[in-house]
Amino acid sequence: MDSVILLIFKKEVFSAICLLKDGGATTFFGNYSLKGAEISIILLPESVNDKNYDTYFGWPEGKRIFKVEDLSYSSLRLEYEGTKSVFRKF
């Protein structure tokens, strides 16, 4: 099974609900800020210390800055070191 992740960006709060292979789910929490063409996501320490952190994130120091390539009401396209990610509103 591929990873299934639901990302939520709401009023500077970031959360990611990740479905686990055993059918359960785990949630990671953090904060984000949007400045110009960049979005910075910083996960909370308890999320970085979660046993599933490396499977779904594994970011050094629990943070990452993405380039925002497109942001609209229905989609978000991010780029980080040549890897592009597209998220759609459902």
N, C-alpha and C. Protein backbone atom coordinates (compact mmCIF):
# COMPACT_ATOMS: atom_id res chain seq x y z
N MET A 1 0.84 -1.18 0.00
CA MET A 1 0.00 0.00 0.00
C MET A 1 0.88 1.24 0.00
N ASP A 2 0.56 2.19 -0.87
CA ASP A 2 1.25 3.47 -0.87
C ASP A 2 0.81 4.26 0.36
N SER A 3 1.61 5.24 0.72
CA SER A 3 1.27 6.10 1.85
C SER A 3 0.04 6.94 1.52
N VAL A 4 -0.86 7.04 2.48
CA VAL A 4 -2.03 7.89 2.35
C VAL A 4 -1.93 8.94 3.44
N ILE A 5 -1.87 10.20 3.02
CA ILE A 5 -1.69 11.30 3.96
C ILE A 5 -2.69 12.40 3.65
N LEU A 6 -3.42 12.84 4.66
CA LEU A 6 -4.33 13.97 4.53
C LEU A 6 -3.66 15.16 5.21
N LEU A 7 -3.37 16.20 4.45
CA LEU A 7 -2.74 17.40 4.99
C LEU A 7 -3.78 18.48 5.22
N ILE A 8 -3.65 19.15 6.36
CA ILE A 8 -4.58 20.23 6.70
C ILE A 8 -3.77 21.48 7.04
N PHE A 9 -4.05 22.56 6.33
CA PHE A 9 -3.45 23.87 6.59
C PHE A 9 -4.59 24.79 6.99
N LYS A 10 -4.59 25.26 8.24
CA LYS A 10 -5.67 26.14 8.67
C LYS A 10 -5.14 27.13 9.69
N LYS A 11 -5.20 28.40 9.34
CA LYS A 11 -4.82 29.50 10.24
C LYS A 11 -3.49 29.25 10.93
N GLU A 12 -2.46 28.99 10.16
CA GLU A 12 -1.09 28.80 10.62
C GLU A 12 -0.85 27.49 11.37
N VAL A 13 -1.85 26.62 11.43
CA VAL A 13 -1.70 25.31 12.06
C VAL A 13 -1.67 24.25 10.96
N PHE A 14 -0.68 23.37 11.06
CA PHE A 14 -0.49 22.28 10.10
C PHE A 14 -0.76 20.96 10.79
N SER A 15 -1.48 20.08 10.14
CA SER A 15 -1.62 18.71 10.64
C SER A 15 -1.62 17.75 9.46
N ALA A 16 -1.09 16.58 9.72
CA ALA A 16 -1.03 15.53 8.71
C ALA A 16 -1.56 14.25 9.34
N ILE A 17 -2.62 13.71 8.77
CA ILE A 17 -3.18 12.45 9.23
C ILE A 17 -2.67 11.38 8.27
N CYS A 18 -1.94 10.42 8.82
CA CYS A 18 -1.28 9.39 8.01
C CYS A 18 -1.88 8.03 8.32
N LEU A 19 -2.33 7.32 7.28
CA LEU A 19 -2.86 5.98 7.48
C LEU A 19 -1.71 5.00 7.58
N LEU A 20 -1.76 4.16 8.61
CA LEU A 20 -0.71 3.17 8.85
C LEU A 20 -1.02 1.86 8.13
N LYS A 21 -0.01 1.07 7.91
CA LYS A 21 -0.19 -0.20 7.20
C LYS A 21 -1.12 -1.15 7.94
N ASP A 22 -1.21 -1.03 9.27
CA ASP A 22 -2.09 -1.91 10.05
C ASP A 22 -3.54 -1.45 10.06
N GLY A 23 -3.84 -0.37 9.32
CA GLY A 23 -5.20 0.14 9.24
C GLY A 23 -5.48 1.28 10.19
N GLY A 24 -4.57 1.53 11.12
CA GLY A 24 -4.72 2.64 12.05
C GLY A 24 -4.29 3.95 11.42
N ALA A 25 -4.20 4.96 12.23
CA ALA A 25 -3.78 6.27 11.75
C ALA A 25 -2.96 6.97 12.82
N THR A 26 -2.09 7.85 12.39
CA THR A 26 -1.34 8.70 13.32
C THR A 26 -1.41 10.13 12.78
N THR A 27 -1.37 11.09 13.68
CA THR A 27 -1.47 12.48 13.28
C THR A 27 -0.24 13.25 13.76
N PHE A 28 0.30 14.05 12.87
CA PHE A 28 1.44 14.91 13.17
C PHE A 28 0.94 16.36 13.17
N PHE A 29 1.44 17.15 14.12
CA PHE A 29 1.00 18.54 14.25
C PHE A 29 2.19 19.48 14.17
N GLY A 30 1.92 20.69 13.70
CA GLY A 30 2.95 21.71 13.65
C GLY A 30 2.35 23.05 13.29
N ASN A 31 3.22 23.95 12.88
CA ASN A 31 2.80 25.29 12.46
C ASN A 31 3.39 25.56 11.09
N TYR A 32 2.75 26.46 10.38
CA TYR A 32 3.30 26.86 9.08
C TYR A 32 3.19 28.36 8.93
N SER A 33 4.04 28.89 8.07
CA SER A 33 3.94 30.31 7.73
C SER A 33 4.19 30.44 6.23
N LEU A 34 3.44 31.30 5.63
CA LEU A 34 3.53 31.57 4.20
C LEU A 34 4.11 32.96 4.04
N LYS A 35 5.28 33.03 3.41
CA LYS A 35 5.95 34.32 3.17
C LYS A 35 6.35 34.39 1.71
N GLY A 36 5.68 35.24 0.98
CA GLY A 36 5.98 35.36 -0.44
C GLY A 36 5.75 34.04 -1.15
N ALA A 37 6.79 33.54 -1.80
CA ALA A 37 6.68 32.30 -2.56
C ALA A 37 7.22 31.10 -1.79
N GLU A 38 7.28 31.20 -0.44
CA GLU A 38 7.77 30.09 0.38
C GLU A 38 6.79 29.77 1.50
N ILE A 39 6.70 28.49 1.81
CA ILE A 39 5.93 28.05 2.96
C ILE A 39 6.86 27.24 3.85
N SER A 40 6.91 27.61 5.11
CA SER A 40 7.75 26.95 6.09
C SER A 40 6.86 26.13 7.02
N ILE A 41 7.19 24.84 7.19
CA ILE A 41 6.44 23.96 8.07
C ILE A 41 7.38 23.50 9.18
N ILE A 42 6.97 23.70 10.42
CA ILE A 42 7.74 23.26 11.58
C ILE A 42 6.86 22.35 12.41
N LEU A 43 7.28 21.09 12.55
CA LEU A 43 6.51 20.13 13.33
C LEU A 43 6.80 20.27 14.81
N LEU A 44 5.80 20.00 15.63
CA LEU A 44 5.97 20.07 17.09
C LEU A 44 6.87 18.93 17.57
N PRO A 45 7.60 19.15 18.68
CA PRO A 45 8.52 18.12 19.18
C PRO A 45 7.87 16.76 19.39
N GLU A 46 6.64 16.72 19.90
CA GLU A 46 5.99 15.43 20.11
C GLU A 46 5.72 14.70 18.79
N SER A 47 5.54 15.44 17.71
CA SER A 47 5.37 14.82 16.40
C SER A 47 6.70 14.28 15.87
N VAL A 48 7.77 15.05 16.07
CA VAL A 48 9.10 14.62 15.62
C VAL A 48 9.53 13.36 16.37
N ASN A 49 9.10 13.22 17.62
CA ASN A 49 9.47 12.07 18.43
C ASN A 49 8.56 10.86 18.22
N ASP A 50 7.53 10.98 17.39
CA ASP A 50 6.62 9.87 17.12
C ASP A 50 7.38 8.74 16.42
N LYS A 51 7.06 7.50 16.75
CA LYS A 51 7.76 6.35 16.17
C LYS A 51 7.59 6.25 14.66
N ASN A 52 6.58 6.88 14.08
CA ASN A 52 6.34 6.84 12.64
C ASN A 52 6.89 8.06 11.90
N TYR A 53 7.57 8.94 12.61
CA TYR A 53 8.04 10.20 12.02
C TYR A 53 8.93 9.97 10.79
N ASP A 54 9.90 9.09 10.91
CA ASP A 54 10.83 8.86 9.80
C ASP A 54 10.14 8.25 8.59
N THR A 55 9.10 7.48 8.80
CA THR A 55 8.37 6.87 7.69
C THR A 55 7.67 7.92 6.85
N TYR A 56 7.07 8.92 7.50
CA TYR A 56 6.26 9.89 6.78
C TYR A 56 6.95 11.23 6.54
N PHE A 57 7.90 11.60 7.39
CA PHE A 57 8.56 12.89 7.24
C PHE A 57 10.08 12.74 7.22
N GLY A 58 10.68 12.58 8.39
CA GLY A 58 12.13 12.44 8.46
C GLY A 58 12.89 13.71 8.12
N TRP A 59 12.25 14.86 8.25
CA TRP A 59 12.92 16.12 7.96
C TRP A 59 13.94 16.42 9.05
N PRO A 60 15.14 16.88 8.68
CA PRO A 60 16.10 17.30 9.70
C PRO A 60 15.50 18.40 10.58
N GLU A 61 15.63 18.25 11.86
CA GLU A 61 15.16 19.22 12.85
C GLU A 61 13.64 19.46 12.80
N GLY A 62 12.91 18.60 12.11
CA GLY A 62 11.45 18.71 12.09
C GLY A 62 10.90 19.88 11.32
N LYS A 63 11.70 20.43 10.39
CA LYS A 63 11.18 21.57 9.63
C LYS A 63 11.63 21.49 8.18
N ARG A 64 10.87 22.17 7.33
CA ARG A 64 11.20 22.21 5.91
C ARG A 64 10.59 23.47 5.31
N ILE A 65 11.32 24.06 4.37
CA ILE A 65 10.83 25.24 3.63
C ILE A 65 10.65 24.83 2.18
N PHE A 66 9.45 25.00 1.69
CA PHE A 66 9.10 24.66 0.32
C PHE A 66 8.91 25.92 -0.51
N LYS A 67 9.17 25.82 -1.79
CA LYS A 67 8.83 26.88 -2.74
C LYS A 67 7.39 26.64 -3.17
N VAL A 68 6.56 27.67 -3.10
CA VAL A 68 5.17 27.57 -3.55
C VAL A 68 5.12 27.90 -5.03
N GLU A 69 4.78 26.90 -5.84
CA GLU A 69 4.70 27.12 -7.28
C GLU A 69 3.30 27.54 -7.71
N ASP A 70 2.29 27.11 -6.96
CA ASP A 70 0.91 27.47 -7.28
C ASP A 70 0.09 27.37 -6.01
N LEU A 71 -0.73 28.35 -5.77
CA LEU A 71 -1.62 28.34 -4.62
C LEU A 71 -2.95 28.94 -5.06
N SER A 72 -3.99 28.13 -5.02
CA SER A 72 -5.32 28.60 -5.38
C SER A 72 -6.32 28.04 -4.39
N TYR A 73 -7.56 28.37 -4.58
CA TYR A 73 -8.61 27.88 -3.70
C TYR A 73 -8.67 26.35 -3.68
N SER A 74 -8.36 25.73 -4.81
CA SER A 74 -8.54 24.28 -4.92
C SER A 74 -7.26 23.46 -4.96
N SER A 75 -6.08 24.09 -5.04
CA SER A 75 -4.86 23.29 -5.09
C SER A 75 -3.64 24.05 -4.55
N LEU A 76 -2.65 23.25 -4.20
CA LEU A 76 -1.38 23.76 -3.71
C LEU A 76 -0.28 22.93 -4.35
N ARG A 77 0.67 23.59 -5.00
CA ARG A 77 1.80 22.87 -5.62
C ARG A 77 3.08 23.40 -4.98
N LEU A 78 3.83 22.46 -4.37
CA LEU A 78 5.07 22.80 -3.68
C LEU A 78 6.25 22.13 -4.35
N GLU A 79 7.44 22.73 -4.17
CA GLU A 79 8.69 22.17 -4.69
C GLU A 79 9.74 22.23 -3.60
N TYR A 80 10.48 21.12 -3.46
CA TYR A 80 11.60 21.07 -2.52
C TYR A 80 12.72 20.26 -3.17
N GLU A 81 13.83 20.90 -3.43
CA GLU A 81 15.02 20.26 -4.02
C GLU A 81 14.67 19.40 -5.24
N GLY A 82 13.86 19.96 -6.14
CA GLY A 82 13.52 19.29 -7.38
C GLY A 82 12.32 18.35 -7.30
N THR A 83 11.83 18.07 -6.11
CA THR A 83 10.66 17.20 -5.96
C THR A 83 9.41 18.07 -5.84
N LYS A 84 8.45 17.81 -6.71
CA LYS A 84 7.21 18.58 -6.72
C LYS A 84 6.09 17.76 -6.10
N SER A 85 5.26 18.43 -5.30
CA SER A 85 4.11 17.80 -4.66
C SER A 85 2.88 18.64 -4.95
N VAL A 86 1.79 17.97 -5.33
CA VAL A 86 0.55 18.67 -5.64
C VAL A 86 -0.52 18.17 -4.67
N PHE A 87 -1.24 19.11 -4.06
CA PHE A 87 -2.31 18.79 -3.13
C PHE A 87 -3.58 19.45 -3.63
N ARG A 88 -4.65 18.71 -3.56
CA ARG A 88 -5.95 19.22 -4.02
C ARG A 88 -6.95 19.24 -2.88
N LYS A 89 -7.84 20.20 -2.93
CA LYS A 89 -8.88 20.32 -1.91
C LYS A 89 -9.98 19.30 -2.21
N PHE A 90 -10.39 18.60 -1.17
CA PHE A 90 -11.50 17.64 -1.31
C PHE A 90 -12.57 17.95 -0.31
